[in-house]
Amino acid sequence: MCFFGNQSRRGVTAVVLIIARLCEPSSEFSLAEHFYRKAALSDLLGVPSEKVDDNRLYRALDKLLPHKRELEVFLKKKLGGLFELEYDLLLYDVTNTYLEGEAKANPLAAHGYSRDKRGDCKQVCIGLVTSQCGVLLGYEVFSGNRSDVTTMQEVVETMESRYGKADRIWVMDRGMVSEENIEFLRDSGWRHIVGTPKGMLKKFEQQLLSEDWHAIREELEVQLCAAPDGDKEIFILCRIRNRREKEKAMHARFEEGLIKIQAGCQKRKHKPVTIGKLLGKNSRAAGLFNVDIRKRADGGTEVV
């Protein structure tokens, strides 16, 4: 394989990117400085290591990006045929990746909710669509300050137009749920399984207390329920058998922590900030307690 010539050079660089992504996923800089140099690719591809640097790899990605749609369609058909994949159930979720530096050349870079706990850095959001077994069907990049719920309709319409309409089921978590999005799915006729707000559990109190549960795998039980308002939709209640014991243990640990802090306050060893730490670490259990910090007559504090 000859490295020289624009077309051959671009093709070989793309091959380097693909092999590295399969064998040792990392940044382009790490690929050029470490992976390519220690692998036998220079002998196999006829490209000396000094010819492979991060700038060349990034330029190759820039050349591939305009063909994103065609590549995704090709890979979907190819992988589907090779591995007999089914695309009747699609999972959609959003993640983000933060950027070092000011990222002035990237119009999508913005400060937003960071899953990486890097609120100090600009970021971009990435909407991912995968098959039931986790094979990537497509992705879209959004502004770093865009909320997940506003991306759903755009992504669904993009995937449906790219691969054609089919009897698919869209699966999403409660971060994608809004009245507008649910109405969009209903009106469009797309079947869907979405997470619902926890507050809706109050409408299924009788079902939660019933014994009409079906085990689908170890410790996981489900129950199908009709919509409380008479709608045609079906709700799926899920529970873990040992969850009750786990919840009790969480509450006991939280209560034990409060007792220790209360005793420490009486000895003037603990400051009120300790309460905040306890509440932050046990947010689920904290919702069941009414914690109040009061000043005592002697100038100390107490927890009630």
Protein backbone atom coordinates (compact mmCIF):
# COMPACT_ATOMS: atom_id res chain seq x y z
CA MET A 1 0.00 0.00 0.00
CA CYS A 2 1.51 3.30 -1.08
CA PHE A 3 1.41 6.23 1.33
CA PHE A 4 2.09 8.95 -1.22
CA GLY A 5 -0.65 10.65 -3.21
CA ASN A 6 -3.54 12.56 -1.65
CA GLN A 7 -6.21 9.87 -2.04
CA SER A 8 -3.99 7.03 -0.76
CA ARG A 9 -2.71 9.17 2.08
CA ARG A 10 -6.19 10.03 3.28
CA GLY A 11 -7.28 6.42 2.98
CA VAL A 12 -4.37 5.10 5.02
CA THR A 13 -4.86 7.77 7.69
CA ALA A 14 -8.51 6.73 7.98
CA VAL A 15 -7.38 3.11 8.37
CA VAL A 16 -5.02 4.16 11.18
CA LEU A 17 -7.89 5.91 12.97
CA ILE A 18 -10.18 2.89 12.62
CA ILE A 19 -7.61 0.36 13.83
CA ALA A 20 -6.73 2.52 16.83
CA ARG A 21 -10.39 3.02 17.71
CA LEU A 22 -10.93 -0.74 17.72
CA CYS A 23 -7.71 -1.73 19.50
CA GLU A 24 -6.92 1.11 21.90
CA PRO A 25 -9.46 3.98 21.99
CA SER A 26 -7.75 7.21 22.98
CA SER A 27 -7.11 10.76 21.83
CA GLU A 28 -5.47 11.46 18.48
CA PHE A 29 -2.45 12.82 20.34
CA SER A 30 -2.06 9.59 22.32
CA LEU A 31 -2.57 7.58 19.15
CA ALA A 32 0.25 9.39 17.33
CA GLU A 33 2.68 9.60 20.25
CA HIS A 34 2.17 6.16 21.76
CA PHE A 35 -0.09 3.60 20.05
CA TYR A 36 1.18 3.93 16.49
CA ARG A 37 4.82 3.94 17.56
CA LYS A 38 4.59 0.79 19.66
CA ALA A 39 2.34 -1.13 17.25
CA ALA A 40 3.47 -2.80 14.03
CA LEU A 41 1.30 -0.54 11.88
CA SER A 42 4.29 1.24 10.33
CA ASP A 43 5.40 -2.10 8.81
CA LEU A 44 1.89 -3.24 7.87
CA LEU A 45 0.80 0.04 6.27
CA GLY A 46 4.14 1.23 4.99
CA VAL A 47 3.79 4.54 6.83
CA PRO A 48 6.74 5.55 9.03
CA SER A 49 5.83 6.73 12.53
CA GLU A 50 7.24 10.23 11.93
CA LYS A 51 4.60 10.69 9.22
CA VAL A 52 1.76 10.12 11.69
CA ASP A 53 1.07 13.04 13.99
CA ASP A 54 -2.03 14.44 15.68
CA ASN A 55 -2.45 17.23 13.10
CA ARG A 56 -2.65 14.73 10.25
CA LEU A 57 -5.15 12.61 12.18
CA TYR A 58 -7.35 15.62 12.99
CA ARG A 59 -7.30 16.72 9.34
CA ALA A 60 -8.42 13.23 8.34
CA LEU A 61 -11.38 13.53 10.71
CA ASP A 62 -12.25 16.89 9.14
CA LYS A 63 -12.32 15.17 5.74
CA LEU A 64 -14.55 12.38 7.02
CA LEU A 65 -17.09 14.60 8.79
CA PRO A 66 -18.94 15.78 5.63
CA HIS A 67 -19.60 12.09 4.85
CA LYS A 68 -21.06 11.37 8.30
CA ARG A 69 -24.59 10.63 7.06
CA GLU A 70 -23.43 8.27 4.29
CA LEU A 71 -21.04 6.48 6.64
CA GLU A 72 -23.73 5.92 9.26
CA VAL A 73 -26.17 4.52 6.69
CA PHE A 74 -23.47 2.24 5.24
CA LEU A 75 -22.36 0.96 8.65
CA LYS A 76 -25.92 0.35 9.75
CA LYS A 77 -26.56 -1.88 6.72
CA LYS A 78 -23.17 -3.57 6.85
CA LEU A 79 -23.21 -4.37 10.57
CA GLY A 80 -26.87 -5.37 10.40
CA GLY A 81 -26.07 -7.90 7.70
CA LEU A 82 -22.88 -9.26 9.24
CA PHE A 83 -24.25 -9.73 12.75
CA GLU A 84 -28.00 -10.07 12.04
CA LEU A 85 -28.71 -6.99 14.13
CA GLU A 86 -32.25 -5.81 14.74
CA TYR A 87 -33.11 -2.13 14.80
CA ASP A 88 -36.70 -2.44 15.99
CA LEU A 89 -35.82 -0.99 19.41
CA LEU A 90 -33.67 2.14 19.64
CA LEU A 91 -32.20 3.70 22.77
CA TYR A 92 -31.57 7.44 22.89
CA ASP A 93 -29.56 9.32 25.50
CA VAL A 94 -27.38 12.42 25.79
CA THR A 95 -23.88 12.78 27.15
CA ASN A 96 -21.32 15.56 27.02
CA THR A 97 -17.60 16.06 26.65
CA TYR A 98 -15.72 19.04 27.98
CA LEU A 99 -13.14 21.06 26.05
CA GLU A 100 -9.87 22.47 27.30
CA GLY A 101 -9.17 26.10 26.42
CA GLU A 102 -11.55 28.80 25.21
CA ALA A 103 -12.76 26.84 22.14
CA LYS A 104 -13.48 30.08 20.27
CA ALA A 105 -13.55 28.30 16.90
CA ASN A 106 -16.33 25.95 18.03
CA PRO A 107 -19.76 27.65 17.90
CA LEU A 108 -21.33 24.81 19.90
CA ALA A 109 -18.93 25.09 22.84
CA ALA A 110 -20.70 26.53 25.87
CA HIS A 111 -20.92 26.16 29.63
CA GLY A 112 -23.70 23.86 30.79
CA TYR A 113 -24.56 20.98 33.11
CA SER A 114 -21.42 18.85 33.17
CA ARG A 115 -21.68 15.12 33.81
CA ASP A 116 -17.90 15.16 34.20
CA LYS A 117 -18.13 17.67 37.07
CA ARG A 118 -16.16 20.17 34.96
CA GLY A 119 -18.42 23.18 35.05
CA ASP A 120 -15.33 25.35 34.63
CA CYS A 121 -14.87 24.15 31.04
CA LYS A 122 -16.95 24.67 27.94
CA GLN A 123 -18.51 21.55 26.51
CA VAL A 124 -20.63 20.09 23.73
CA CYS A 125 -23.57 17.70 24.15
CA ILE A 126 -23.78 14.50 22.12
CA GLY A 127 -27.04 12.71 21.43
CA LEU A 128 -26.47 8.98 20.88
CA VAL A 129 -28.84 6.49 19.26
CA THR A 130 -28.00 2.80 19.65
CA SER A 131 -29.62 -0.52 18.91
CA GLN A 132 -30.83 -2.81 21.68
CA CYS A 133 -27.41 -4.51 21.84
CA GLY A 134 -25.54 -1.20 21.99
CA VAL A 135 -24.41 -0.76 18.36
CA LEU A 136 -24.28 2.92 17.45
CA LEU A 137 -26.88 3.90 14.87
CA GLY A 138 -26.06 7.61 14.75
CA TYR A 139 -25.20 10.69 16.77
CA GLU A 140 -25.83 14.42 16.71
CA VAL A 141 -23.82 17.18 18.38
CA PHE A 142 -25.59 20.01 20.22
CA SER A 143 -24.63 23.15 22.05
CA GLY A 144 -23.08 22.56 25.47
CA ASN A 145 -25.84 24.49 27.25
CA ARG A 146 -28.75 22.71 25.58
CA SER A 147 -31.02 20.66 27.84
CA ASP A 148 -31.60 16.99 27.02
CA VAL A 149 -35.35 17.31 26.70
CA THR A 150 -35.10 19.80 23.81
CA THR A 151 -33.06 17.41 21.63
CA MET A 152 -35.46 14.48 21.47
CA GLN A 153 -37.77 15.56 18.64
CA GLU A 154 -34.89 16.65 16.44
CA VAL A 155 -33.05 13.35 16.86
CA VAL A 156 -36.12 11.16 16.30
CA GLU A 157 -37.02 13.02 13.10
CA THR A 158 -33.40 12.88 11.91
CA MET A 159 -33.13 9.12 12.40
CA GLU A 160 -36.52 8.41 10.87
CA SER A 161 -35.69 10.48 7.77
CA ARG A 162 -32.23 8.91 7.48
CA TYR A 163 -33.27 5.28 7.75
CA GLY A 164 -36.91 5.46 6.73
CA LYS A 165 -40.01 5.00 8.82
CA ALA A 166 -40.43 1.63 10.49
CA ASP A 167 -42.27 0.00 13.36
CA ARG A 168 -39.63 1.00 15.91
CA ILE A 169 -39.81 1.44 19.65
CA TRP A 170 -37.96 4.43 21.09
CA VAL A 171 -36.56 4.01 24.60
CA MET A 172 -35.55 7.06 26.66
CA ASP A 173 -35.06 8.00 30.30
CA ARG A 174 -37.12 10.56 32.20
CA GLY A 175 -34.68 13.32 31.23
CA MET A 176 -36.31 13.33 27.78
CA VAL A 177 -39.86 13.46 29.07
CA SER A 178 -42.09 16.50 28.73
CA GLU A 179 -45.76 16.87 27.85
CA GLU A 180 -44.75 18.29 24.48
CA ASN A 181 -42.46 15.36 23.71
CA ILE A 182 -45.01 12.75 24.75
CA GLU A 183 -47.63 14.44 22.55
CA PHE A 184 -45.10 14.48 19.70
CA LEU A 185 -44.55 10.72 19.98
CA ARG A 186 -48.27 10.00 20.23
CA ASP A 187 -49.24 12.19 17.28
CA SER A 188 -46.46 10.76 15.12
CA GLY A 189 -47.48 7.19 15.90
CA TRP A 190 -44.06 6.20 17.23
CA ARG A 191 -44.17 3.55 19.90
CA HIS A 192 -42.13 4.44 22.94
CA ILE A 193 -40.94 3.39 26.39
CA VAL A 194 -39.97 6.37 28.50
CA GLY A 195 -39.18 6.94 32.14
CA THR A 196 -41.85 8.82 34.05
CA PRO A 197 -41.48 11.27 36.96
CA LYS A 198 -41.33 9.60 40.37
CA GLY A 199 -44.29 11.69 41.44
CA MET A 200 -46.55 9.54 39.25
CA LEU A 201 -46.05 6.59 41.61
CA LYS A 202 -48.76 8.08 43.83
CA LYS A 203 -51.30 7.19 41.12
CA PHE A 204 -50.35 3.52 41.38
CA GLU A 205 -50.42 3.01 45.15
CA GLN A 206 -52.87 0.09 44.96
CA GLN A 207 -50.82 -1.68 42.29
CA LEU A 208 -47.61 -1.19 44.27
CA LEU A 209 -49.19 -2.89 47.30
CA SER A 210 -50.66 -5.76 45.29
CA GLU A 211 -49.03 -9.15 44.77
CA ASP A 212 -49.55 -9.17 41.01
CA TRP A 213 -45.83 -8.97 40.19
CA HIS A 214 -43.98 -11.01 37.57
CA ALA A 215 -40.28 -11.90 37.89
CA ILE A 216 -38.42 -11.36 34.63
CA ARG A 217 -34.93 -11.98 36.02
CA GLU A 218 -33.26 -12.40 39.39
CA GLU A 219 -34.58 -9.84 41.89
CA LEU A 220 -36.35 -7.77 39.18
CA GLU A 221 -40.15 -7.81 39.08
CA VAL A 222 -42.56 -5.91 36.84
CA GLN A 223 -46.26 -5.18 36.63
CA LEU A 224 -48.28 -3.87 33.70
CA CYS A 225 -50.86 -1.20 34.57
CA ALA A 226 -53.43 0.68 32.58
CA ALA A 227 -53.12 4.45 32.50
CA PRO A 228 -54.87 5.99 35.53
CA ASP A 229 -56.73 8.51 33.36
CA GLY A 230 -58.16 5.85 31.04
CA ASP A 231 -55.71 6.56 28.21
CA LYS A 232 -54.56 3.74 25.92
CA GLU A 233 -51.01 3.89 27.21
CA ILE A 234 -49.66 1.12 29.43
CA PHE A 235 -47.39 1.76 32.39
CA ILE A 236 -44.72 -0.68 33.53
CA LEU A 237 -43.99 -0.70 37.25
CA CYS A 238 -40.59 -2.12 38.20
CA ARG A 239 -39.21 -3.07 41.56
CA ILE A 240 -36.20 -4.86 43.01
CA ARG A 241 -37.09 -7.42 45.65
CA ASN A 242 -34.38 -6.46 48.11
CA ARG A 243 -34.90 -2.73 47.62
CA ARG A 244 -36.98 -2.43 50.79
CA GLU A 245 -34.14 -3.81 52.93
CA LYS A 246 -31.65 -1.52 51.18
CA GLU A 247 -33.87 1.52 51.77
CA LYS A 248 -34.19 0.64 55.47
CA ALA A 249 -30.41 0.37 55.77
CA MET A 250 -29.96 3.77 54.08
CA HIS A 251 -32.45 5.39 56.45
CA ALA A 252 -30.78 3.75 59.47
CA ARG A 253 -27.36 5.05 58.43
CA PHE A 254 -28.74 8.55 57.92
CA GLU A 255 -30.46 8.54 61.30
CA GLU A 256 -27.27 7.26 62.93
CA GLY A 257 -25.35 10.11 61.31
CA LEU A 258 -27.82 12.66 62.66
CA ILE A 259 -27.48 11.24 66.17
CA LYS A 260 -23.68 11.50 65.99
CA ILE A 261 -23.85 15.09 64.76
CA GLN A 262 -26.36 15.97 67.46
CA ALA A 263 -24.02 14.55 70.10
CA GLY A 264 -21.12 16.44 68.56
CA CYS A 265 -23.04 19.70 68.61
CA GLN A 266 -23.68 19.26 72.31
CA LYS A 267 -19.94 19.00 72.79
CA ARG A 268 -19.40 21.94 70.39
CA LYS A 269 -17.23 19.82 68.08
CA HIS A 270 -19.35 19.91 64.97
CA LYS A 271 -20.32 22.91 62.86
CA PRO A 272 -23.61 23.16 60.93
CA VAL A 273 -21.73 22.51 57.65
CA THR A 274 -21.49 18.85 58.67
CA ILE A 275 -25.25 18.59 58.23
CA GLY A 276 -24.93 19.72 54.64
CA LYS A 277 -22.40 17.00 53.91
CA LEU A 278 -24.64 14.35 55.44
CA LEU A 279 -27.66 15.56 53.48
CA GLY A 280 -25.65 15.61 50.25
CA LYS A 281 -24.43 12.05 50.67
CA ASN A 282 -27.88 10.71 51.60
CA SER A 283 -30.29 12.74 49.50
CA ARG A 284 -32.81 9.87 49.15
CA ALA A 285 -33.05 9.24 52.88
CA ALA A 286 -32.87 12.95 53.72
CA GLY A 287 -36.22 13.56 52.05
CA LEU A 288 -37.93 11.57 54.79
CA PHE A 289 -36.49 13.64 57.64
CA ASN A 290 -37.18 17.19 58.75
CA VAL A 291 -33.82 18.46 60.00
CA ASP A 292 -33.57 21.80 61.79
CA ILE A 293 -30.53 23.51 63.34
CA ARG A 294 -31.20 25.77 66.31
CA LYS A 295 -29.05 27.90 68.54
CA ARG A 296 -29.00 27.04 72.22
CA ALA A 297 -29.13 29.56 75.03
CA ASP A 298 -25.46 28.91 75.81
CA GLY A 299 -24.47 29.90 72.26
CA GLY A 300 -24.02 26.37 70.92
CA THR A 301 -26.08 24.59 68.29
CA GLU A 302 -28.39 21.60 68.34
CA VAL A 303 -29.98 19.40 65.70
CA VAL A 304 -33.68 18.59 66.00
